[in-house]
Amino acid sequence: MKTGTGGTQGNQRGSLLKSNQSAFDAAFGRRSVPQLYLQQLRCLIPPKADARPKVLVNTIPKAGTYLAALALENAGYSSKQLHLSDRFLHDNRSVPEDQIHWNPDSRRVNYRADYAASILDEGEFCVGHVSRQRVLDRAAAYNVHVLNIVRDPITQIWSFYRFQQKKTKPTPHSSLWRTMVADDGFKGYLLSIDMNLLLKHAKTLMSNGPFFCFEDMKQGKFIERALDPNTIKPRNTVMAQQRARVIRDVETGLASAVGKKTSTYIPKSENDKQSSLEDSAVVAFFDACGLTAASEFYKSSVLCDKTILSR
């Protein structure tokens, strides 16, 4: 018989996931593969032109996920209160806003993002950080409008660091860099994350179709962009009309959302200065891992007029 806490913790986690799954199934229904295929076939029928779109707000972390969500709510859409990843989701229903990010794995449900997209009804949306293009394509097959949102990777990393500091439950890894002061804390954080994974995620969202930029959203604008218009798949007339509508709706909602408190919003203080980004060792690290080049490309080639599809 095994001894120690590993087996106990594993059993507790397994019981928790089973409990989460049961609660999720009770609310939304567990769908077999044939049922999912049938649902997808139904979704091949174009929606009504006057129907409010179904939406997946899909971002790289700290690129305006909940700003876009607030904008949609301001425009009359309803949140499903689910946060999606490729192969699992966090069920945030009935969770206080200030607790959503503290310990989300306690509400983890093993349910693929494209399956979760099939749950959406007209005028509903989910948010998430889905990184696999085939999963996004499957979600879109349910007549869900996927809004991919990206951000300058250097300011994203800094914002992600502040978010981890102030909004999430400490882990064995983060507990160490959280004890470090100022620049050292940021350096410790950089060593704890997979930079290549973050860059790959952003590249996927920008390389396979239209996307939006956090920098535009901060200005109250929701501008559809594409690095290569040839990557955009043709849409039927109704879906094209719905796409234009949801873009207008988000921009309308942003007017009263920008600067407002969300579950991820952290007010700036004197202790949050970005001087760590100018540290010579940090700059060298960014150069070596490709973050500097990615940031320069983003600012010079992504945030430019030639990528704009619509205003």
C-alpha atoms as a PDB file:
ATOM      1  CA  MET A   1       0.000   0.000   0.000  1.00  0.00           C
ATOM      2  CA  LYS A   2       1.288   3.463  -0.918  1.00  0.00           C
ATOM      3  CA  THR A   3       2.158   5.857   1.867  1.00  0.00           C
ATOM      4  CA  GLY A   4       2.542   9.629   2.040  1.00  0.00           C
ATOM      5  CA  THR A   5       0.230  12.406   0.901  1.00  0.00           C
ATOM      6  CA  GLY A   6       0.532  11.998  -2.881  1.00  0.00           C
ATOM      7  CA  GLY A   7      -2.117   9.283  -3.132  1.00  0.00           C
ATOM      8  CA  THR A   8      -4.469  11.134  -0.792  1.00  0.00           C
ATOM      9  CA  GLN A   9      -4.102  14.401  -2.711  1.00  0.00           C
ATOM     10  CA  GLY A  10      -4.664  12.562  -5.989  1.00  0.00           C
ATOM     11  CA  ASN A  11      -7.813  10.925  -4.641  1.00  0.00           C
ATOM     12  CA  GLN A  12      -9.077  14.266  -3.338  1.00  0.00           C
ATOM     13  CA  ARG A  13      -8.449  15.903  -6.704  1.00  0.00           C
ATOM     14  CA  GLY A  14     -10.163  13.020  -8.494  1.00  0.00           C
ATOM     15  CA  SER A  15     -13.193  13.299  -6.202  1.00  0.00           C
ATOM     16  CA  LEU A  16     -13.297  17.073  -6.732  1.00  0.00           C
ATOM     17  CA  LEU A  17     -13.182  16.727 -10.532  1.00  0.00           C
ATOM     18  CA  LYS A  18     -15.911  14.076 -10.390  1.00  0.00           C
ATOM     19  CA  SER A  19     -18.059  16.372  -8.251  1.00  0.00           C
ATOM     20  CA  ASN A  20     -17.443  19.293 -10.628  1.00  0.00           C
ATOM     21  CA  GLN A  21     -18.327  17.116 -13.621  1.00  0.00           C
ATOM     22  CA  SER A  22     -21.567  15.974 -11.982  1.00  0.00           C
ATOM     23  CA  ALA A  23     -22.606  19.561 -11.257  1.00  0.00           C
ATOM     24  CA  PHE A  24     -21.759  20.622 -14.797  1.00  0.00           C
ATOM     25  CA  ASP A  25     -23.664  17.701 -16.329  1.00  0.00           C
ATOM     26  CA  ALA A  26     -26.680  18.432 -14.146  1.00  0.00           C
ATOM     27  CA  ALA A  27     -26.811  22.001 -15.443  1.00  0.00           C
ATOM     28  CA  PHE A  28     -25.988  21.488 -19.106  1.00  0.00           C
ATOM     29  CA  GLY A  29     -26.439  17.764 -19.800  1.00  0.00           C
ATOM     30  CA  ARG A  30     -23.711  15.291 -20.687  1.00  0.00           C
ATOM     31  CA  ARG A  31     -23.555  14.839 -24.435  1.00  0.00           C
ATOM     32  CA  SER A  32     -22.529  11.648 -26.139  1.00  0.00           C
ATOM     33  CA  VAL A  33     -20.499  11.735 -29.340  1.00  0.00           C
ATOM     34  CA  PRO A  34     -23.591  11.022 -31.516  1.00  0.00           C
ATOM     35  CA  GLN A  35     -25.469  13.837 -29.761  1.00  0.00           C
ATOM     36  CA  LEU A  36     -22.576  16.208 -30.422  1.00  0.00           C
ATOM     37  CA  TYR A  37     -22.517  15.242 -34.093  1.00  0.00           C
ATOM     38  CA  LEU A  38     -26.278  15.847 -34.289  1.00  0.00           C
ATOM     39  CA  GLN A  39     -25.880  19.232 -32.621  1.00  0.00           C
ATOM     40  CA  GLN A  40     -23.135  20.140 -35.099  1.00  0.00           C
ATOM     41  CA  LEU A  41     -25.354  19.106 -38.030  1.00  0.00           C
ATOM     42  CA  ARG A  42     -28.130  21.334 -36.674  1.00  0.00           C
ATOM     43  CA  CYS A  43     -25.674  24.188 -36.432  1.00  0.00           C
ATOM     44  CA  LEU A  44     -24.876  23.862 -40.130  1.00  0.00           C
ATOM     45  CA  ILE A  45     -28.272  25.458 -40.698  1.00  0.00           C
ATOM     46  CA  PRO A  46     -27.606  29.223 -40.838  1.00  0.00           C
ATOM     47  CA  PRO A  47     -29.063  31.161 -37.908  1.00  0.00           C
ATOM     48  CA  LYS A  48     -31.732  33.781 -38.388  1.00  0.00           C
ATOM     49  CA  ALA A  49     -30.434  37.114 -39.603  1.00  0.00           C
ATOM     50  CA  ASP A  50     -32.004  38.989 -36.675  1.00  0.00           C
ATOM     51  CA  ALA A  51     -30.745  36.540 -34.020  1.00  0.00           C
ATOM     52  CA  ARG A  52     -28.211  37.836 -31.535  1.00  0.00           C
ATOM     53  CA  PRO A  53     -24.859  36.068 -32.202  1.00  0.00           C
ATOM     54  CA  LYS A  54     -23.263  33.335 -30.095  1.00  0.00           C
ATOM     55  CA  VAL A  55     -19.737  34.399 -29.089  1.00  0.00           C
ATOM     56  CA  LEU A  56     -16.472  32.976 -27.766  1.00  0.00           C
ATOM     57  CA  VAL A  57     -14.110  35.690 -26.491  1.00  0.00           C
ATOM     58  CA  ASN A  58     -10.757  33.968 -26.952  1.00  0.00           C
ATOM     59  CA  THR A  59      -7.611  35.760 -25.822  1.00  0.00           C
ATOM     60  CA  ILE A  60      -4.036  35.271 -24.845  1.00  0.00           C
ATOM     61  CA  PRO A  61      -3.893  35.801 -21.053  1.00  0.00           C
ATOM     62  CA  LYS A  62      -4.157  39.456 -19.978  1.00  0.00           C
ATOM     63  CA  ALA A  63      -5.340  40.743 -23.346  1.00  0.00           C
ATOM     64  CA  GLY A  64      -8.706  42.158 -22.325  1.00  0.00           C
ATOM     65  CA  THR A  65     -10.682  38.958 -21.729  1.00  0.00           C
ATOM     66  CA  TYR A  66     -13.017  40.427 -19.152  1.00  0.00           C
ATOM     67  CA  LEU A  67     -13.028  43.890 -20.705  1.00  0.00           C
ATOM     68  CA  ALA A  68     -14.533  42.317 -23.836  1.00  0.00           C
ATOM     69  CA  ALA A  69     -16.905  40.306 -21.619  1.00  0.00           C
ATOM     70  CA  LEU A  70     -18.090  43.483 -19.871  1.00  0.00           C
ATOM     71  CA  ALA A  71     -18.555  45.183 -23.240  1.00  0.00           C
ATOM     72  CA  LEU A  72     -20.745  42.304 -24.432  1.00  0.00           C
ATOM     73  CA  GLU A  73     -22.793  42.416 -21.227  1.00  0.00           C
ATOM     74  CA  ASN A  74     -23.234  46.175 -21.660  1.00  0.00           C
ATOM     75  CA  ALA A  75     -24.519  45.469 -25.173  1.00  0.00           C
ATOM     76  CA  GLY A  76     -27.130  43.021 -23.888  1.00  0.00           C
ATOM     77  CA  TYR A  77     -25.374  39.641 -24.182  1.00  0.00           C
ATOM     78  CA  SER A  78     -25.460  37.051 -21.395  1.00  0.00           C
ATOM     79  CA  SER A  79     -22.352  35.351 -19.998  1.00  0.00           C
ATOM     80  CA  LYS A  80     -22.399  31.580 -19.576  1.00  0.00           C
ATOM     81  CA  GLN A  81     -19.791  32.158 -16.801  1.00  0.00           C
ATOM     82  CA  LEU A  82     -17.491  29.476 -18.194  1.00  0.00           C
ATOM     83  CA  HIS A  83     -13.767  29.981 -18.830  1.00  0.00           C
ATOM     84  CA  LEU A  84     -12.578  27.647 -21.582  1.00  0.00           C
ATOM     85  CA  SER A  85      -9.262  26.017 -22.400  1.00  0.00           C
ATOM     86  CA  ASP A  86      -8.483  23.465 -25.085  1.00  0.00           C
ATOM     87  CA  ARG A  87      -9.407  20.368 -23.064  1.00  0.00           C
ATOM     88  CA  PHE A  88     -11.053  21.675 -19.885  1.00  0.00           C
ATOM     89  CA  LEU A  89     -13.019  24.588 -18.483  1.00  0.00           C
ATOM     90  CA  HIS A  90     -13.456  26.445 -15.206  1.00  0.00           C
ATOM     91  CA  ASP A  91     -17.077  26.592 -14.113  1.00  0.00           C
ATOM     92  CA  ASN A  92     -17.458  30.072 -12.617  1.00  0.00           C
ATOM     93  CA  ARG A  93     -21.217  30.078 -12.142  1.00  0.00           C
ATOM     94  CA  SER A  94     -22.247  31.586  -8.793  1.00  0.00           C
ATOM     95  CA  VAL A  95     -18.622  32.440  -7.933  1.00  0.00           C
ATOM     96  CA  PRO A  96     -18.093  35.987  -6.570  1.00  0.00           C
ATOM     97  CA  GLU A  97     -16.260  38.143  -9.096  1.00  0.00           C
ATOM     98  CA  ASP A  98     -13.297  38.790  -6.803  1.00  0.00           C
ATOM     99  CA  GLN A  99     -12.795  35.028  -6.276  1.00  0.00           C
ATOM    100  CA  ILE A 100     -12.920  33.823  -9.886  1.00  0.00           C
ATOM    101  CA  HIS A 101      -9.142  33.690 -10.357  1.00  0.00           C
ATOM    102  CA  TRP A 102      -7.992  32.740  -6.853  1.00  0.00           C
ATOM    103  CA  ASN A 103      -8.261  28.962  -7.187  1.00  0.00           C
ATOM    104  CA  PRO A 104     -10.001  28.156 -10.499  1.00  0.00           C
ATOM    105  CA  ASP A 105      -8.767  24.547 -10.654  1.00  0.00           C
ATOM    106  CA  SER A 106     -11.083  23.775  -7.745  1.00  0.00           C
ATOM    107  CA  ARG A 107     -13.861  24.209 -10.342  1.00  0.00           C
ATOM    108  CA  ARG A 108     -12.130  22.455 -13.230  1.00  0.00           C
ATOM    109  CA  VAL A 109     -14.252  20.283 -15.511  1.00  0.00           C
ATOM    110  CA  ASN A 110     -12.717  18.124 -18.234  1.00  0.00           C
ATOM    111  CA  TYR A 111     -14.787  19.370 -21.166  1.00  0.00           C
ATOM    112  CA  ARG A 112     -13.383  20.462 -24.519  1.00  0.00           C
ATOM    113  CA  ALA A 113     -13.845  24.056 -25.631  1.00  0.00           C
ATOM    114  CA  ASP A 114     -15.646  23.128 -28.842  1.00  0.00           C
ATOM    115  CA  TYR A 115     -18.103  20.954 -26.896  1.00  0.00           C
ATOM    116  CA  ALA A 116     -18.713  23.861 -24.529  1.00  0.00           C
ATOM    117  CA  ALA A 117     -19.372  26.096 -27.533  1.00  0.00           C
ATOM    118  CA  SER A 118     -22.234  23.823 -28.531  1.00  0.00           C
ATOM    119  CA  ILE A 119     -24.002  24.773 -25.277  1.00  0.00           C
ATOM    120  CA  LEU A 120     -24.281  28.437 -26.249  1.00  0.00           C
ATOM    121  CA  ASP A 121     -27.669  29.841 -27.201  1.00  0.00           C
ATOM    122  CA  GLU A 122     -28.382  33.017 -29.134  1.00  0.00           C
ATOM    123  CA  GLY A 123     -27.026  36.060 -27.333  1.00  0.00           C
ATOM    124  CA  GLU A 124     -24.780  34.056 -24.984  1.00  0.00           C
ATOM    125  CA  PHE A 125     -20.991  34.014 -24.714  1.00  0.00           C
ATOM    126  CA  CYS A 126     -18.067  32.280 -23.043  1.00  0.00           C
ATOM    127  CA  VAL A 127     -14.522  33.485 -22.505  1.00  0.00           C
ATOM    128  CA  GLY A 128     -11.274  31.538 -22.627  1.00  0.00           C
ATOM    129  CA  HIS A 129      -7.678  30.999 -23.671  1.00  0.00           C
ATOM    130  CA  VAL A 130      -7.989  28.336 -26.372  1.00  0.00           C
ATOM    131  CA  SER A 131      -4.674  27.830 -28.183  1.00  0.00           C
ATOM    132  CA  ARG A 132      -5.292  25.018 -30.686  1.00  0.00           C
ATOM    133  CA  GLN A 133      -6.600  26.082 -34.057  1.00  0.00           C
ATOM    134  CA  ARG A 134      -8.474  22.841 -34.710  1.00  0.00           C
ATOM    135  CA  VAL A 135     -10.424  23.334 -31.473  1.00  0.00           C
ATOM    136  CA  LEU A 136     -11.308  26.896 -32.498  1.00  0.00           C
ATOM    137  CA  ASP A 137     -12.398  25.669 -35.927  1.00  0.00           C
ATOM    138  CA  ARG A 138     -14.666  23.095 -34.305  1.00  0.00           C
ATOM    139  CA  ALA A 139     -16.158  25.753 -32.033  1.00  0.00           C
ATOM    140  CA  ALA A 140     -16.824  27.996 -35.026  1.00  0.00           C
ATOM    141  CA  ALA A 141     -18.622  25.091 -36.720  1.00  0.00           C
ATOM    142  CA  TYR A 142     -21.413  25.561 -34.163  1.00  0.00           C
ATOM    143  CA  ASN A 143     -22.072  29.015 -35.660  1.00  0.00           C
ATOM    144  CA  VAL A 144     -20.157  30.583 -32.791  1.00  0.00           C
ATOM    145  CA  HIS A 145     -18.295  33.803 -33.549  1.00  0.00           C
ATOM    146  CA  VAL A 146     -14.744  33.427 -32.226  1.00  0.00           C
ATOM    147  CA  LEU A 147     -13.219  36.785 -31.275  1.00  0.00           C
ATOM    148  CA  ASN A 148      -9.453  36.265 -30.979  1.00  0.00           C
ATOM    149  CA  ILE A 149      -7.738  39.071 -29.039  1.00  0.00           C
ATOM    150  CA  VAL A 150      -3.967  39.629 -28.712  1.00  0.00           C
ATOM    151  CA  ARG A 151      -1.598  42.147 -27.131  1.00  0.00           C
ATOM    152  CA  ASP A 152       1.995  43.406 -27.236  1.00  0.00           C
ATOM    153  CA  PRO A 153       3.827  40.466 -25.610  1.00  0.00           C
ATOM    154  CA  ILE A 154       6.062  42.594 -23.370  1.00  0.00           C
ATOM    155  CA  THR A 155       3.227  44.534 -21.740  1.00  0.00           C
ATOM    156  CA  GLN A 156       1.276  41.269 -21.601  1.00  0.00           C
ATOM    157  CA  ILE A 157       4.036  39.594 -19.583  1.00  0.00           C
ATOM    158  CA  TRP A 158       4.195  42.494 -17.141  1.00  0.00           C
ATOM    159  CA  SER A 159       0.422  42.510 -16.707  1.00  0.00           C
ATOM    160  CA  PHE A 160       0.417  38.724 -16.253  1.00  0.00           C
ATOM    161  CA  TYR A 161       3.055  39.093 -13.523  1.00  0.00           C
ATOM    162  CA  ARG A 162       0.992  41.652 -11.619  1.00  0.00           C
ATOM    163  CA  PHE A 163      -2.095  39.477 -12.046  1.00  0.00           C
ATOM    164  CA  GLN A 164      -0.327  36.409 -10.642  1.00  0.00           C
ATOM    165  CA  GLN A 165       0.927  38.495  -7.725  1.00  0.00           C
ATOM    166  CA  LYS A 166      -2.391  39.942  -6.697  1.00  0.00           C
ATOM    167  CA  LYS A 167      -5.207  37.723  -7.979  1.00  0.00           C
ATOM    168  CA  THR A 168      -4.141  34.072  -7.821  1.00  0.00           C
ATOM    169  CA  LYS A 169      -3.543  31.561  -5.056  1.00  0.00           C
ATOM    170  CA  PRO A 170       0.191  30.910  -4.419  1.00  0.00           C
ATOM    171  CA  THR A 171       1.590  27.642  -5.750  1.00  0.00           C
ATOM    172  CA  PRO A 172       4.830  25.894  -4.721  1.00  0.00           C
ATOM    173  CA  HIS A 173       6.576  27.569  -7.673  1.00  0.00           C
ATOM    174  CA  SER A 174       5.114  31.041  -7.293  1.00  0.00           C
ATOM    175  CA  SER A 175       5.624  31.057  -3.527  1.00  0.00           C
ATOM    176  CA  LEU A 176       9.362  31.398  -4.116  1.00  0.00           C
ATOM    177  CA  TRP A 177       9.369  34.368  -6.492  1.00  0.00           C
ATOM    178  CA  ARG A 178       6.641  36.041  -4.436  1.00  0.00           C
ATOM    179  CA  THR A 179       9.170  36.349  -1.599  1.00  0.00           C
ATOM    180  CA  MET A 180      11.600  38.242  -3.841  1.00  0.00           C
ATOM    181  CA  VAL A 181      11.659  42.032  -3.937  1.00  0.00           C
ATOM    182  CA  ALA A 182      11.093  44.348  -6.928  1.00  0.00           C
ATOM    183  CA  ASP A 183      13.173  43.395 -10.014  1.00  0.00           C
ATOM    184  CA  ASP A 184      14.203  40.071  -8.495  1.00  0.00           C
ATOM    185  CA  GLY A 185      10.564  39.046  -8.126  1.00  0.00           C
ATOM    186  CA  PHE A 186       9.893  39.746 -11.796  1.00  0.00           C
ATOM    187  CA  LYS A 187      13.016  37.831 -12.841  1.00  0.00           C
ATOM    188  CA  GLY A 188      11.959  34.863 -10.746  1.00  0.00           C
ATOM    189  CA  TYR A 189       8.529  34.983 -12.341  1.00  0.00           C
ATOM    190  CA  LEU A 190      10.015  35.014 -15.858  1.00  0.00           C
ATOM    191  CA  LEU A 191      11.926  31.821 -15.096  1.00  0.00           C
ATOM    192  CA  SER A 192       8.737  30.112 -13.926  1.00  0.00           C
ATOM    193  CA  ILE A 193       6.732  30.479 -17.166  1.00  0.00           C
ATOM    194  CA  ASP A 194       6.998  28.922 -20.626  1.00  0.00           C
ATOM    195  CA  MET A 195       7.706  31.902 -22.863  1.00  0.00           C
ATOM    196  CA  ASN A 196       7.622  29.815 -26.040  1.00  0.00           C
ATOM    197  CA  LEU A 197       4.117  28.626 -25.195  1.00  0.00           C
ATOM    198  CA  LEU A 198       2.861  32.190 -24.761  1.00  0.00           C
ATOM    199  CA  LEU A 199       4.399  33.310 -28.045  1.00  0.00           C
ATOM    200  CA  LYS A 200       3.049  30.272 -29.883  1.00  0.00           C
ATOM    201  CA  HIS A 201      -0.449  30.989 -28.574  1.00  0.00           C
ATOM    202  CA  ALA A 202      -0.361  34.567 -29.879  1.00  0.00           C
ATOM    203  CA  LYS A 203       1.047  33.431 -33.230  1.00  0.00           C
ATOM    204  CA  THR A 204      -1.790  30.928 -33.652  1.00  0.00           C
ATOM    205  CA  LEU A 205      -4.455  33.561 -33.002  1.00  0.00           C
ATOM    206  CA  MET A 206      -2.900  36.007 -35.476  1.00  0.00           C
ATOM    207  CA  SER A 207      -1.925  33.584 -38.246  1.00  0.00           C
ATOM    208  CA  ASN A 208      -5.176  31.766 -38.931  1.00  0.00           C
ATOM    209  CA  GLY A 209      -7.720  34.475 -39.520  1.00  0.00           C
ATOM    210  CA  PRO A 210      -9.063  37.745 -38.126  1.00  0.00           C
ATOM    211  CA  PHE A 211      -8.144  39.034 -34.676  1.00  0.00           C
ATOM    212  CA  PHE A 212      -8.490  42.098 -32.479  1.00  0.00           C
ATOM    213  CA  CYS A 213      -5.966  44.049 -30.383  1.00  0.00           C
ATOM    214  CA  PHE A 214      -6.131  44.975 -26.716  1.00  0.00           C
ATOM    215  CA  GLU A 215      -4.476  48.307 -27.507  1.00  0.00           C
ATOM    216  CA  ASP A 216      -7.446  49.256 -29.714  1.00  0.00           C
ATOM    217  CA  MET A 217      -9.898  48.186 -27.030  1.00  0.00           C
ATOM    218  CA  LYS A 218      -8.302  50.487 -24.451  1.00  0.00           C
ATOM    219  CA  GLN A 219      -9.149  53.325 -26.828  1.00  0.00           C
ATOM    220  CA  GLY A 220     -12.765  52.180 -27.018  1.00  0.00           C
ATOM    221  CA  LYS A 221     -12.358  50.672 -30.496  1.00  0.00           C
ATOM    222  CA  PHE A 222     -12.915  47.109 -31.692  1.00  0.00           C
ATOM    223  CA  ILE A 223     -11.068  46.854 -34.989  1.00  0.00           C
ATOM    224  CA  GLU A 224     -10.943  43.588 -36.922  1.00  0.00           C
ATOM    225  CA  ARG A 225      -7.467  42.896 -38.307  1.00  0.00           C
ATOM    226  CA  ALA A 226      -5.662  40.188 -40.274  1.00  0.00           C
ATOM    227  CA  LEU A 227      -2.023  39.672 -41.187  1.00  0.00           C
ATOM    228  CA  ASP A 228      -3.126  37.924 -44.375  1.00  0.00           C
ATOM    229  CA  PRO A 229      -6.721  38.382 -45.653  1.00  0.00           C
ATOM    230  CA  ASN A 230      -6.306  35.120 -47.596  1.00  0.00           C
ATOM    231  CA  THR A 231      -6.482  33.196 -44.307  1.00  0.00           C
ATOM    232  CA  ILE A 232     -10.073  34.323 -43.755  1.00  0.00           C
ATOM    233  CA  LYS A 233     -12.594  31.672 -44.631  1.00  0.00           C
ATOM    234  CA  PRO A 234     -15.675  32.876 -46.548  1.00  0.00           C
ATOM    235  CA  ARG A 235     -18.877  33.163 -44.514  1.00  0.00           C
ATOM    236  CA  ASN A 236     -22.457  32.818 -45.612  1.00  0.00           C
ATOM    237  CA  THR A 237     -24.461  36.043 -45.759  1.00  0.00           C
ATOM    238  CA  VAL A 238     -26.188  35.634 -42.393  1.00  0.00           C
ATOM    239  CA  MET A 239     -22.965  34.797 -40.539  1.00  0.00           C
ATOM    240  CA  ALA A 240     -21.234  37.772 -42.171  1.00  0.00           C
ATOM    241  CA  GLN A 241     -24.087  40.015 -41.019  1.00  0.00           C
ATOM    242  CA  GLN A 242     -23.871  38.580 -37.512  1.00  0.00           C
ATOM    243  CA  ARG A 243     -20.110  39.071 -37.450  1.00  0.00           C
ATOM    244  CA  ALA A 244     -20.510  42.742 -38.322  1.00  0.00           C
ATOM    245  CA  ARG A 245     -23.180  43.062 -35.647  1.00  0.00           C
ATOM    246  CA  VAL A 246     -21.127  41.540 -32.839  1.00  0.00           C
ATOM    247  CA  ILE A 247     -18.170  43.800 -33.710  1.00  0.00           C
ATOM    248  CA  ARG A 248     -20.450  46.842 -33.515  1.00  0.00           C
ATOM    249  CA  ASP A 249     -21.966  45.577 -30.276  1.00  0.00           C
ATOM    250  CA  VAL A 250     -18.572  45.110 -28.608  1.00  0.00           C
ATOM    251  CA  GLU A 251     -17.447  48.592 -29.637  1.00  0.00           C
ATOM    252  CA  THR A 252     -20.702  50.076 -28.352  1.00  0.00           C
ATOM    253  CA  GLY A 253     -20.261  48.222 -25.058  1.00  0.00           C
ATOM    254  CA  LEU A 254     -16.648  49.338 -24.723  1.00  0.00           C
ATOM    255  CA  ALA A 255     -17.778  52.952 -24.400  1.00  0.00           C
ATOM    256  CA  SER A 256     -19.051  52.227 -20.895  1.00  0.00           C
ATOM    257  CA  ALA A 257     -16.612  49.399 -20.083  1.00  0.00           C
ATOM    258  CA  VAL A 258     -13.156  50.951 -20.518  1.00  0.00           C
ATOM    259  CA  GLY A 259     -11.664  51.842 -17.147  1.00  0.00           C
ATOM    260  CA  LYS A 260     -14.346  50.006 -15.174  1.00  0.00           C
ATOM    261  CA  LYS A 261     -13.537  47.335 -12.602  1.00  0.00           C
ATOM    262  CA  THR A 262     -13.578  43.698 -13.763  1.00  0.00           C
ATOM    263  CA  SER A 263     -12.479  40.455 -12.090  1.00  0.00           C
ATOM    264  CA  THR A 264      -8.927  40.984 -13.428  1.00  0.00           C
ATOM    265  CA  TYR A 265      -8.676  44.743 -13.059  1.00  0.00           C
ATOM    266  CA  ILE A 266      -5.816  45.897 -10.827  1.00  0.00           C
ATOM    267  CA  PRO A 267      -5.571  49.626 -10.021  1.00  0.00           C
ATOM    268  CA  LYS A 268      -2.116  51.025 -10.667  1.00  0.00           C
ATOM    269  CA  SER A 269      -0.045  52.221  -7.729  1.00  0.00           C
ATOM    270  CA  GLU A 270       3.394  53.702  -7.166  1.00  0.00           C
ATOM    271  CA  ASN A 271       4.719  50.196  -6.504  1.00  0.00           C
ATOM    272  CA  ASP A 272       3.634  48.981  -9.941  1.00  0.00           C
ATOM    273  CA  LYS A 273       6.083  50.966 -12.045  1.00  0.00           C
ATOM    274  CA  GLN A 274       7.407  49.051 -15.065  1.00  0.00           C
ATOM    275  CA  SER A 275      11.075  49.793 -14.300  1.00  0.00           C
ATOM    276  CA  SER A 276      11.714  46.031 -14.192  1.00  0.00           C
ATOM    277  CA  LEU A 277      11.164  45.948 -17.957  1.00  0.00           C
ATOM    278  CA  GLU A 278      14.187  48.228 -18.393  1.00  0.00           C
ATOM    279  CA  ASP A 279      16.540  46.128 -16.262  1.00  0.00           C
ATOM    280  CA  SER A 280      19.519  45.122 -18.433  1.00  0.00           C
ATOM    281  CA  ALA A 281      19.295  41.449 -17.469  1.00  0.00           C
ATOM    282  CA  VAL A 282      15.564  41.388 -18.242  1.00  0.00           C
ATOM    283  CA  VAL A 283      16.133  43.076 -21.609  1.00  0.00           C
ATOM    284  CA  ALA A 284      18.826  40.523 -22.473  1.00  0.00           C
ATOM    285  CA  PHE A 285      16.470  37.711 -21.480  1.00  0.00           C
ATOM    286  CA  PHE A 286      13.707  39.128 -23.697  1.00  0.00           C
ATOM    287  CA  ASP A 287      16.184  39.401 -26.585  1.00  0.00           C
ATOM    288  CA  ALA A 288      17.342  35.801 -26.151  1.00  0.00           C
ATOM    289  CA  CYS A 289      13.883  34.248 -25.946  1.00  0.00           C
ATOM    290  CA  GLY A 290      12.460  36.205 -28.896  1.00  0.00           C
ATOM    291  CA  LEU A 291      10.118  38.437 -26.915  1.00  0.00           C
ATOM    292  CA  THR A 292      11.786  41.671 -28.045  1.00  0.00           C
ATOM    293  CA  ALA A 293      11.527  40.718 -31.720  1.00  0.00           C
ATOM    294  CA  ALA A 294       7.905  39.653 -31.270  1.00  0.00           C
ATOM    295  CA  SER A 295       7.072  42.957 -29.567  1.00  0.00           C
ATOM    296  CA  GLU A 296       8.743  44.996 -32.288  1.00  0.00           C
ATOM    297  CA  PHE A 297       6.883  43.057 -34.992  1.00  0.00           C
ATOM    298  CA  TYR A 298       3.620  43.569 -33.137  1.00  0.00           C
ATOM    299  CA  LYS A 299       4.071  47.321 -32.818  1.00  0.00           C
ATOM    300  CA  SER A 300       5.372  47.882 -36.349  1.00  0.00           C
ATOM    301  CA  SER A 301       3.411  45.344 -38.406  1.00  0.00           C
ATOM    302  CA  VAL A 302       0.315  44.340 -36.423  1.00  0.00           C
ATOM    303  CA  LEU A 303      -0.813  47.710 -35.089  1.00  0.00           C
ATOM    304  CA  CYS A 304      -0.756  49.290 -38.542  1.00  0.00           C
ATOM    305  CA  ASP A 305      -3.402  50.321 -41.057  1.00  0.00           C
ATOM    306  CA  LYS A 306      -2.582  47.570 -43.545  1.00  0.00           C
ATOM    307  CA  THR A 307      -3.917  44.861 -41.200  1.00  0.00           C
ATOM    308  CA  ILE A 308      -7.296  46.539 -40.692  1.00  0.00           C
ATOM    309  CA  LEU A 309     -10.302  44.719 -42.158  1.00  0.00           C
ATOM    310  CA  SER A 310     -13.052  46.819 -40.610  1.00  0.00           C
ATOM    311  CA  ARG A 311     -13.562  49.859 -38.445  1.00  0.00           C
END
